[in-house]
Structures are given as C-alpha cells and as structure tokens.
C-alpha atoms as a PDB file:
ATOM      1  CA  MET A   1      -8.340   2.800  29.084  1.00  0.00           C
ATOM      2  CA  PRO A   2      -9.059   6.406  28.098  1.00  0.00           C
ATOM      3  CA  ARG A   3     -11.858   7.131  25.669  1.00  0.00           C
ATOM      4  CA  ARG A   4     -10.738   7.449  22.083  1.00  0.00           C
ATOM      5  CA  LYS A   5     -12.261   9.717  19.489  1.00  0.00           C
ATOM      6  CA  LYS A   6     -11.726   8.593  15.904  1.00  0.00           C
ATOM      7  CA  HIS A   7      -9.926  11.258  13.914  1.00  0.00           C
ATOM      8  CA  ASN A   8     -11.171  11.264  10.314  1.00  0.00           C
ATOM      9  CA  ILE A   9      -8.101  11.940   8.231  1.00  0.00           C
ATOM     10  CA  GLU A  10      -7.069  10.796   4.759  1.00  0.00           C
ATOM     11  CA  LEU A  11      -3.924   8.701   5.105  1.00  0.00           C
ATOM     12  CA  ASP A  12      -1.709   7.713   2.202  1.00  0.00           C
ATOM     13  CA  GLY A  13       0.937   5.116   1.495  1.00  0.00           C
ATOM     14  CA  LEU A  14       1.126   1.981   3.601  1.00  0.00           C
ATOM     15  CA  PRO A  15      -1.206   3.256   6.356  1.00  0.00           C
ATOM     16  CA  LYS A  16      -3.919   3.849   3.744  1.00  0.00           C
ATOM     17  CA  LEU A  17      -3.305   0.487   2.076  1.00  0.00           C
ATOM     18  CA  LEU A  18      -3.580  -1.378   5.382  1.00  0.00           C
ATOM     19  CA  GLY A  19      -6.555   0.674   6.578  1.00  0.00           C
ATOM     20  CA  ALA A  20      -4.838   2.195   9.611  1.00  0.00           C
ATOM     21  CA  GLU A  21      -7.013   4.392  11.796  1.00  0.00           C
ATOM     22  CA  VAL A  22      -6.075   7.460  13.824  1.00  0.00           C
ATOM     23  CA  TYR A  23      -7.684   8.292  17.165  1.00  0.00           C
ATOM     24  CA  GLN A  24      -7.335  11.276  19.421  1.00  0.00           C
ATOM     25  CA  GLU A  25      -6.357  10.145  22.894  1.00  0.00           C
ATOM     26  CA  SER A  26      -5.391  12.587  25.582  1.00  0.00           C
ATOM     27  CA  PRO A  27      -2.702  13.930  25.491  1.00  0.00           C
ATOM     28  CA  GLY A  28      -1.987  13.030  21.838  1.00  0.00           C
ATOM     29  CA  PHE A  29      -2.922  10.688  19.018  1.00  0.00           C
ATOM     30  CA  ILE A  30      -2.646   6.980  18.312  1.00  0.00           C
ATOM     31  CA  CYS A  31      -2.531   5.124  15.013  1.00  0.00           C
ATOM     32  CA  LEU A  32      -3.466   1.450  14.776  1.00  0.00           C
ATOM     33  CA  LEU A  33      -4.712  -1.296  12.500  1.00  0.00           C
ATOM     34  CA  PRO A  34      -8.477  -1.777  12.443  1.00  0.00           C
ATOM     35  CA  ASN A  35      -8.327  -5.325  13.876  1.00  0.00           C
ATOM     36  CA  ASP A  36      -8.158  -6.254  17.567  1.00  0.00           C
ATOM     37  CA  VAL A  37      -6.229  -3.625  19.529  1.00  0.00           C
ATOM     38  CA  HIS A  38      -4.536  -6.201  21.751  1.00  0.00           C
ATOM     39  CA  GLU A  39      -2.913  -7.844  18.736  1.00  0.00           C
ATOM     40  CA  SER A  40      -2.408  -4.670  16.745  1.00  0.00           C
ATOM     41  CA  VAL A  41       0.560  -2.393  16.251  1.00  0.00           C
ATOM     42  CA  VAL A  42      -0.018   0.938  17.997  1.00  0.00           C
ATOM     43  CA  GLY A  43       1.849   4.151  17.213  1.00  0.00           C
ATOM     44  CA  ARG A  44       1.662   7.149  19.519  1.00  0.00           C
ATOM     45  CA  GLY A  45       2.590  10.772  19.024  1.00  0.00           C
ATOM     46  CA  GLY A  46       1.852  14.373  19.922  1.00  0.00           C
ATOM     47  CA  SER A  47       0.463  14.965  16.425  1.00  0.00           C
ATOM     48  CA  VAL A  48      -1.215  12.841  13.785  1.00  0.00           C
ATOM     49  CA  ALA A  49       1.995  12.789  11.719  1.00  0.00           C
ATOM     50  CA  GLU A  50       4.082  11.661  14.705  1.00  0.00           C
ATOM     51  CA  ALA A  51       1.586   8.901  15.546  1.00  0.00           C
ATOM     52  CA  VAL A  52       1.521   7.630  11.950  1.00  0.00           C
ATOM     53  CA  ASP A  53       5.336   7.752  11.693  1.00  0.00           C
ATOM     54  CA  ASN A  54       5.678   5.915  15.004  1.00  0.00           C
ATOM     55  CA  TRP A  55       3.135   3.324  13.838  1.00  0.00           C
ATOM     56  CA  ASP A  56       5.045   2.797  10.583  1.00  0.00           C
ATOM     57  CA  ILE A  57       8.316   2.201  12.448  1.00  0.00           C
ATOM     58  CA  LYS A  58       6.667  -0.206  14.904  1.00  0.00           C
ATOM     59  CA  LEU A  59       4.867  -2.052  12.099  1.00  0.00           C
ATOM     60  CA  GLN A  60       8.115  -2.598  10.197  1.00  0.00           C
ATOM     61  CA  ALA A  61       9.827  -3.882  13.344  1.00  0.00           C
ATOM     62  CA  HIS A  62       6.871  -6.131  14.151  1.00  0.00           C
ATOM     63  CA  LEU A  63       6.803  -7.630  10.653  1.00  0.00           C
ATOM     64  CA  ARG A  64      10.572  -8.272  10.782  1.00  0.00           C
ATOM     65  CA  ASN A  65      10.418 -10.046  14.135  1.00  0.00           C
ATOM     66  CA  ALA A  66       7.046 -11.832  14.135  1.00  0.00           C
ATOM     67  CA  GLY A  67       6.370 -15.355  12.915  1.00  0.00           C
ATOM     68  CA  ASP A  68       4.223 -16.288   9.938  1.00  0.00           C
ATOM     69  CA  ASP A  69       1.304 -17.219  12.213  1.00  0.00           C
ATOM     70  CA  ASP A  70       1.238 -13.799  13.931  1.00  0.00           C
ATOM     71  CA  PRO A  71      -2.213 -12.152  13.476  1.00  0.00           C
ATOM     72  CA  VAL A  72      -0.712  -8.871  12.235  1.00  0.00           C
ATOM     73  CA  VAL A  73       1.497 -10.686   9.707  1.00  0.00           C
ATOM     74  CA  VAL A  74      -1.472 -12.742   8.490  1.00  0.00           C
ATOM     75  CA  PHE A  75      -3.596  -9.578   8.182  1.00  0.00           C
ATOM     76  CA  VAL A  76      -0.937  -7.637   6.250  1.00  0.00           C
ATOM     77  CA  LYS A  77      -0.078 -10.551   3.936  1.00  0.00           C
ATOM     78  CA  GLY A  78      -3.762 -11.118   3.245  1.00  0.00           C
ATOM     79  CA  LEU A  79      -4.314  -7.495   2.262  1.00  0.00           C
ATOM     80  CA  LEU A  80      -1.190  -7.326   0.117  1.00  0.00           C
ATOM     81  CA  ASN A  81      -1.987 -10.618  -1.660  1.00  0.00           C
ATOM     82  CA  LYS A  82      -5.552  -9.472  -2.278  1.00  0.00           C
ATOM     83  CA  LYS A  83      -4.332  -6.167  -3.742  1.00  0.00           C
ATOM     84  CA  ALA A  84      -1.729  -7.881  -5.932  1.00  0.00           C
ATOM     85  CA  TYR A  85      -4.365 -10.322  -7.212  1.00  0.00           C
ATOM     86  CA  THR A  86      -6.849  -7.579  -8.102  1.00  0.00           C
ATOM     87  CA  GLU A  87      -4.142  -5.593  -9.896  1.00  0.00           C
ATOM     88  CA  GLN A  88      -3.188  -8.642 -11.983  1.00  0.00           C
ATOM     89  CA  VAL A  89      -6.785  -9.519 -12.830  1.00  0.00           C
ATOM     90  CA  ALA A  90      -7.984  -5.990 -13.601  1.00  0.00           C
ATOM     91  CA  PRO A  91      -7.817  -5.181 -17.298  1.00  0.00           C
ATOM     92  CA  PRO A  92      -5.665  -2.201 -18.222  1.00  0.00           C
ATOM     93  CA  THR A  93      -7.958   0.727 -18.870  1.00  0.00           C
ATOM     94  CA  SER A  94      -5.509   3.335 -20.077  1.00  0.00           C
ATOM     95  CA  VAL A  95      -3.752   1.196 -22.695  1.00  0.00           C
ATOM     96  CA  ALA A  96      -5.310   1.510 -26.125  1.00  0.00           C
ATOM     97  CA  LYS A  97      -5.412  -1.600 -28.295  1.00  0.00           C
ATOM     98  CA  LYS A  98      -2.832  -1.499 -31.044  1.00  0.00           C
ATOM     99  CA  SER A  99      -2.982  -3.289 -34.320  1.00  0.00           C
ATOM    100  CA  ARG A 100      -0.724  -6.239 -35.006  1.00  0.00           C
ATOM    101  CA  GLU A 101       1.135  -4.234 -37.643  1.00  0.00           C
ATOM    102  CA  HIS A 102       1.735  -1.379 -35.211  1.00  0.00           C
ATOM    103  CA  ASN A 103       3.140  -3.779 -32.579  1.00  0.00           C
ATOM    104  CA  ILE A 104       5.461  -5.366 -35.173  1.00  0.00           C
ATOM    105  CA  ALA A 105       6.661  -1.940 -36.325  1.00  0.00           C
ATOM    106  CA  GLU A 106       7.405  -0.894 -32.723  1.00  0.00           C
ATOM    107  CA  PHE A 107       9.305  -4.121 -32.095  1.00  0.00           C
ATOM    108  CA  GLU A 108      11.394  -3.761 -35.264  1.00  0.00           C
ATOM    109  CA  ALA A 109      12.087  -0.113 -34.469  1.00  0.00           C
ATOM    110  CA  GLN A 110      13.786  -1.198 -31.226  1.00  0.00           C
ATOM    111  CA  PHE A 111      16.308  -3.360 -33.049  1.00  0.00           C
ATOM    112  CA  TYR A 112      16.375  -2.102 -36.613  1.00  0.00           C
ATOM    113  CA  SER A 113      16.329   1.663 -36.319  1.00  0.00           C
ATOM    114  CA  SER A 114      17.620   2.119 -39.904  1.00  0.00           C
ATOM    115  CA  ARG A 115      14.603   0.197 -41.303  1.00  0.00           C
ATOM    116  CA  SER A 116      12.114   2.327 -39.435  1.00  0.00           C
ATOM    117  CA  ARG A 117      13.763   5.541 -40.728  1.00  0.00           C
ATOM    118  CA  GLY A 118      13.763   4.303 -44.319  1.00  0.00           C
ATOM    119  CA  ASN A 119      10.013   3.518 -44.228  1.00  0.00           C
ATOM    120  CA  LYS A 120       8.988   6.995 -43.096  1.00  0.00           C
END
C-alpha cells in the first residue's frame, strides 16, 4: 500500500459531520472515514473535491445496500444519533425569554388579527 500523507483541509456538510479525512496518495487523493480502512468507504479522485464527491456517492450507496450490523452503518448511525441527542438537550442560546403576556399576545395575533390592531 502506498504511503499516505494526511491532507489538512476543512470539510463541510456530511464529510465534516462524519469526520471524514483526506489523504494525498500518488497520483491523487483519497477520502475515507476515520475508522478501520478495510471496513471504511473510500473515495478517490484527482483532486480533493473529486475524492470527497466520490466518497459521498460511495457512502450513500453503501448505506443503501448494507445491513444494520455493518460497521459503517453502525458508525454513521451512532454519530447521527449522538448529534441529534445533543441538539435536543442543548438549551437554546439565541432565543430570549418572553413574558407570559407577550406569548399570549403573539398567539392571539395569529388568529385574531383585528384584536391585536385595536389594542395598539
């Protein structure tokens, strides 16, 4: 197997979420999941973008065709469940607390627009 040099690049989207890594491998690049290479999905391409795109296509195909006990499926489901759990548990930071009266007024304004105009 040729030597691989890790290519430090900021990925986004699904590759970032799953922690995909990009390596330079002569004559191009490969993109893979950080777990065992023999059980991982590997994308190859002449550029980083081609390798990541190829990896994304192969990952989607693998997830469609693999069973629930497949190591890649288990890894992806685990990461997605963990992320969904932390998003549900994390308190909203950008939402300011509103008073009870303000919430009631907003609710009534949705259904009784004439009342909200008359009170202003």
